[in-house]
C-alpha atoms as a PDB file:
ATOM      1  CA  UNK A   1    -107.821   6.777   1.168  1.00  0.00           C
ATOM      2  CA  UNK A   2    -110.680   4.756   2.558  1.00  0.00           C
ATOM      3  CA  UNK A   3    -110.993   3.846   6.224  1.00  0.00           C
ATOM      4  CA  UNK A   4    -109.929   0.260   5.640  1.00  0.00           C
ATOM      5  CA  UNK A   5    -106.735   1.079   3.727  1.00  0.00           C
ATOM      6  CA  UNK A   6    -103.942   2.614   5.768  1.00  0.00           C
ATOM      7  CA  UNK A   7    -100.377   3.038   4.653  1.00  0.00           C
ATOM      8  CA  UNK A   8     -97.942   0.804   6.506  1.00  0.00           C
ATOM      9  CA  UNK A   9     -96.414   2.585   9.496  1.00  0.00           C
ATOM     10  CA  UNK A  10     -92.752   3.316   9.965  1.00  0.00           C
ATOM     11  CA  UNK A  11     -90.612   1.808  12.702  1.00  0.00           C
ATOM     12  CA  UNK A  12     -88.187   4.768  12.605  1.00  0.00           C
ATOM     13  CA  UNK A  13     -89.695   6.143  15.827  1.00  0.00           C
ATOM     14  CA  UNK A  14     -88.162   3.191  17.693  1.00  0.00           C
ATOM     15  CA  UNK A  15     -84.607   4.398  17.007  1.00  0.00           C
ATOM     16  CA  UNK A  16     -85.217   8.125  16.385  1.00  0.00           C
ATOM     17  CA  UNK A  17     -84.388   9.293  19.907  1.00  0.00           C
ATOM     18  CA  UNK A  18     -80.825  10.228  20.910  1.00  0.00           C
ATOM     19  CA  UNK A  19     -80.290  11.162  24.566  1.00  0.00           C
ATOM     20  CA  UNK A  20     -78.239  14.364  24.814  1.00  0.00           C
ATOM     21  CA  UNK A  21     -78.379  14.930  28.567  1.00  0.00           C
ATOM     22  CA  UNK A  22     -80.365  14.121  31.668  1.00  0.00           C
ATOM     23  CA  UNK A  23     -80.533  16.414  34.679  1.00  0.00           C
ATOM     24  CA  UNK A  24     -82.412  16.785  37.924  1.00  0.00           C
ATOM     25  CA  UNK A  25     -82.910  20.515  38.402  1.00  0.00           C
ATOM     26  CA  UNK A  26     -82.845  21.600  42.044  1.00  0.00           C
ATOM     27  CA  UNK A  27     -86.180  23.366  41.730  1.00  0.00           C
ATOM     28  CA  UNK A  28     -88.825  24.514  39.302  1.00  0.00           C
ATOM     29  CA  UNK A  29     -90.333  27.857  40.277  1.00  0.00           C
ATOM     30  CA  UNK A  30     -94.001  27.629  41.273  1.00  0.00           C
ATOM     31  CA  UNK A  31     -96.200  28.736  38.370  1.00  0.00           C
ATOM     32  CA  UNK A  32     -93.190  28.761  36.016  1.00  0.00           C
ATOM     33  CA  UNK A  33     -93.615  29.275  32.328  1.00  0.00           C
ATOM     34  CA  UNK A  34     -91.255  27.883  29.710  1.00  0.00           C
ATOM     35  CA  UNK A  35     -89.570  29.897  27.002  1.00  0.00           C
ATOM     36  CA  UNK A  36     -87.343  28.614  24.204  1.00  0.00           C
ATOM     37  CA  UNK A  37     -84.990  31.082  22.517  1.00  0.00           C
ATOM     38  CA  UNK A  38     -82.176  31.061  19.965  1.00  0.00           C
ATOM     39  CA  UNK A  39     -79.069  33.082  20.844  1.00  0.00           C
ATOM     40  CA  UNK A  40     -76.588  34.147  18.156  1.00  0.00           C
ATOM     41  CA  UNK A  41     -73.175  35.691  18.877  1.00  0.00           C
ATOM     42  CA  UNK A  42     -70.730  36.782  16.161  1.00  0.00           C
ATOM     43  CA  UNK A  43     -67.161  35.439  16.028  1.00  0.00           C
ATOM     44  CA  UNK A  44     -65.165  36.327  19.150  1.00  0.00           C
ATOM     45  CA  UNK A  45     -68.132  37.855  21.013  1.00  0.00           C
ATOM     46  CA  UNK A  46     -67.785  37.528  24.820  1.00  0.00           C
ATOM     47  CA  UNK A  47     -71.530  36.900  25.227  1.00  0.00           C
ATOM     48  CA  UNK A  48     -73.771  37.999  28.063  1.00  0.00           C
ATOM     49  CA  UNK A  49     -72.082  39.600  31.104  1.00  0.00           C
ATOM     50  CA  UNK A  50     -72.315  37.571  34.349  1.00  0.00           C
ATOM     51  CA  UNK A  51     -75.984  36.960  35.114  1.00  0.00           C
ATOM     52  CA  UNK A  52     -78.494  34.564  36.624  1.00  0.00           C
ATOM     53  CA  UNK A  53     -81.789  33.075  35.525  1.00  0.00           C
ATOM     54  CA  UNK A  54     -84.880  32.769  37.738  1.00  0.00           C
ATOM     55  CA  UNK A  55     -85.216  29.060  36.959  1.00  0.00           C
ATOM     56  CA  UNK A  56     -83.324  26.209  35.300  1.00  0.00           C
ATOM     57  CA  UNK A  57     -82.199  26.469  31.685  1.00  0.00           C
ATOM     58  CA  UNK A  58     -81.474  23.679  29.207  1.00  0.00           C
ATOM     59  CA  UNK A  59     -79.545  24.353  26.013  1.00  0.00           C
ATOM     60  CA  UNK A  60     -78.068  22.884  22.861  1.00  0.00           C
ATOM     61  CA  UNK A  61     -75.324  24.356  20.674  1.00  0.00           C
ATOM     62  CA  UNK A  62     -76.450  24.458  17.052  1.00  0.00           C
ATOM     63  CA  UNK A  63     -73.326  25.990  15.499  1.00  0.00           C
ATOM     64  CA  UNK A  64     -69.861  26.949  16.716  1.00  0.00           C
ATOM     65  CA  UNK A  65     -68.417  26.644  20.223  1.00  0.00           C
ATOM     66  CA  UNK A  66     -69.534  28.241  23.484  1.00  0.00           C
ATOM     67  CA  UNK A  67     -67.268  29.012  26.418  1.00  0.00           C
ATOM     68  CA  UNK A  68     -69.617  28.032  29.263  1.00  0.00           C
ATOM     69  CA  UNK A  69     -69.119  28.661  32.968  1.00  0.00           C
ATOM     70  CA  UNK A  70     -71.508  28.634  35.907  1.00  0.00           C
ATOM     71  CA  UNK A  71     -70.724  29.239  39.552  1.00  0.00           C
ATOM     72  CA  UNK A  72     -68.879  26.367  41.223  1.00  0.00           C
ATOM     73  CA  UNK A  73     -67.912  24.625  37.973  1.00  0.00           C
ATOM     74  CA  UNK A  74     -64.812  25.095  35.837  1.00  0.00           C
ATOM     75  CA  UNK A  75     -65.267  26.778  32.477  1.00  0.00           C
ATOM     76  CA  UNK A  76     -65.648  24.381  29.574  1.00  0.00           C
ATOM     77  CA  UNK A  77     -66.210  24.454  25.841  1.00  0.00           C
ATOM     78  CA  UNK A  78     -69.586  23.230  24.559  1.00  0.00           C
ATOM     79  CA  UNK A  79     -69.429  22.399  20.851  1.00  0.00           C
ATOM     80  CA  UNK A  80     -72.090  22.133  18.154  1.00  0.00           C
ATOM     81  CA  UNK A  81     -74.186  19.044  18.819  1.00  0.00           C
ATOM     82  CA  UNK A  82     -73.623  19.140  22.593  1.00  0.00           C
ATOM     83  CA  UNK A  83     -76.093  20.032  25.338  1.00  0.00           C
ATOM     84  CA  UNK A  84     -75.707  22.042  28.556  1.00  0.00           C
ATOM     85  CA  UNK A  85     -77.882  23.068  31.476  1.00  0.00           C
ATOM     86  CA  UNK A  86     -77.774  25.317  34.494  1.00  0.00           C
ATOM     87  CA  UNK A  87     -79.840  25.227  37.680  1.00  0.00           C
ATOM     88  CA  UNK A  88     -80.855  28.902  37.701  1.00  0.00           C
ATOM     89  CA  UNK A  89     -81.968  30.614  40.877  1.00  0.00           C
ATOM     90  CA  UNK A  90     -79.070  32.009  42.902  1.00  0.00           C
ATOM     91  CA  UNK A  91     -76.320  30.468  40.716  1.00  0.00           C
ATOM     92  CA  UNK A  92     -74.255  32.945  38.668  1.00  0.00           C
ATOM     93  CA  UNK A  93     -73.760  32.189  34.982  1.00  0.00           C
ATOM     94  CA  UNK A  94     -70.330  33.709  34.253  1.00  0.00           C
ATOM     95  CA  UNK A  95     -69.795  32.895  30.582  1.00  0.00           C
ATOM     96  CA  UNK A  96     -71.751  31.960  27.479  1.00  0.00           C
ATOM     97  CA  UNK A  97     -69.584  33.647  24.838  1.00  0.00           C
ATOM     98  CA  UNK A  98     -68.269  32.521  21.490  1.00  0.00           C
ATOM     99  CA  UNK A  99     -65.103  30.482  22.006  1.00  0.00           C
ATOM    100  CA  UNK A 100     -64.049  31.012  18.372  1.00  0.00           C
ATOM    101  CA  UNK A 101     -63.071  34.172  16.539  1.00  0.00           C
ATOM    102  CA  UNK A 102     -63.628  32.698  13.066  1.00  0.00           C
ATOM    103  CA  UNK A 103     -67.211  31.349  13.175  1.00  0.00           C
ATOM    104  CA  UNK A 104     -70.515  32.475  14.708  1.00  0.00           C
ATOM    105  CA  UNK A 105     -72.093  30.790  17.734  1.00  0.00           C
ATOM    106  CA  UNK A 106     -75.767  29.753  17.691  1.00  0.00           C
ATOM    107  CA  UNK A 107     -77.472  27.937  20.527  1.00  0.00           C
ATOM    108  CA  UNK A 108     -80.990  27.332  21.725  1.00  0.00           C
ATOM    109  CA  UNK A 109     -82.092  27.472  25.361  1.00  0.00           C
ATOM    110  CA  UNK A 110     -85.339  26.460  27.049  1.00  0.00           C
ATOM    111  CA  UNK A 111     -85.787  28.275  30.357  1.00  0.00           C
ATOM    112  CA  UNK A 112     -88.305  27.758  33.128  1.00  0.00           C
ATOM    113  CA  UNK A 113     -88.994  31.289  34.311  1.00  0.00           C
ATOM    114  CA  UNK A 114     -90.375  32.393  37.656  1.00  0.00           C
ATOM    115  CA  UNK A 115     -93.531  34.508  37.269  1.00  0.00           C
ATOM    116  CA  UNK A 116     -93.033  38.224  37.839  1.00  0.00           C
ATOM    117  CA  UNK A 117     -89.236  38.004  37.552  1.00  0.00           C
ATOM    118  CA  UNK A 118     -87.105  38.688  34.492  1.00  0.00           C
ATOM    119  CA  UNK A 119     -85.667  35.614  32.811  1.00  0.00           C
ATOM    120  CA  UNK A 120     -82.197  37.173  33.042  1.00  0.00           C
ATOM    121  CA  UNK A 121     -80.697  39.501  35.679  1.00  0.00           C
ATOM    122  CA  UNK A 122     -77.174  40.912  35.361  1.00  0.00           C
ATOM    123  CA  UNK A 123     -74.861  40.559  38.376  1.00  0.00           C
ATOM    124  CA  UNK A 124     -72.969  43.686  39.471  1.00  0.00           C
ATOM    125  CA  UNK A 125     -69.230  43.949  40.241  1.00  0.00           C
ATOM    126  CA  UNK A 126     -69.784  44.163  44.027  1.00  0.00           C
ATOM    127  CA  UNK A 127     -71.663  40.865  44.128  1.00  0.00           C
ATOM    128  CA  UNK A 128     -69.070  39.215  41.867  1.00  0.00           C
ATOM    129  CA  UNK A 129     -66.351  40.291  44.318  1.00  0.00           C
ATOM    130  CA  UNK A 130     -68.341  39.086  47.359  1.00  0.00           C
ATOM    131  CA  UNK A 131     -68.879  35.667  45.779  1.00  0.00           C
ATOM    132  CA  UNK A 132     -65.417  35.275  44.283  1.00  0.00           C
ATOM    133  CA  UNK A 133     -64.724  32.243  46.484  1.00  0.00           C
ATOM    134  CA  UNK A 134     -67.590  30.358  44.789  1.00  0.00           C
ATOM    135  CA  UNK A 135     -66.024  30.604  41.330  1.00  0.00           C
ATOM    136  CA  UNK A 136     -63.989  27.599  40.193  1.00  0.00           C
ATOM    137  CA  UNK A 137     -60.266  28.206  39.655  1.00  0.00           C
ATOM    138  CA  UNK A 138     -59.550  29.758  36.269  1.00  0.00           C
ATOM    139  CA  UNK A 139     -57.176  28.157  33.757  1.00  0.00           C
ATOM    140  CA  UNK A 140     -53.688  29.662  33.793  1.00  0.00           C
END
């Protein structure tokens, strides 16, 4: 193709964007680096034990349903095609398990990680007990 002959451009870019979520994270750790991962849990898997992340995390469920719960918010189901986020830092992430026992769960998460700290730290039983008043009431 010569310099003077360009293919006509597409206008698809004008309608290609779909907003899934907007959030204002409370902080971004100084010198943070970003990491994007895919997590896969088999049917019925309870997911990661209660934990926290050193910085905010933004996710999207690719397949299945996640039972999602962070400190101070009621548990909820996030389905394929839906987004979620958590502030990280001191906030405990209680649940990220597969809500279904008949299909796998796949989701992607982009995390902003604090340098020199692991991206995920498990929370022990003593701390869970001490902070029990910060957990939203559980469904009956």
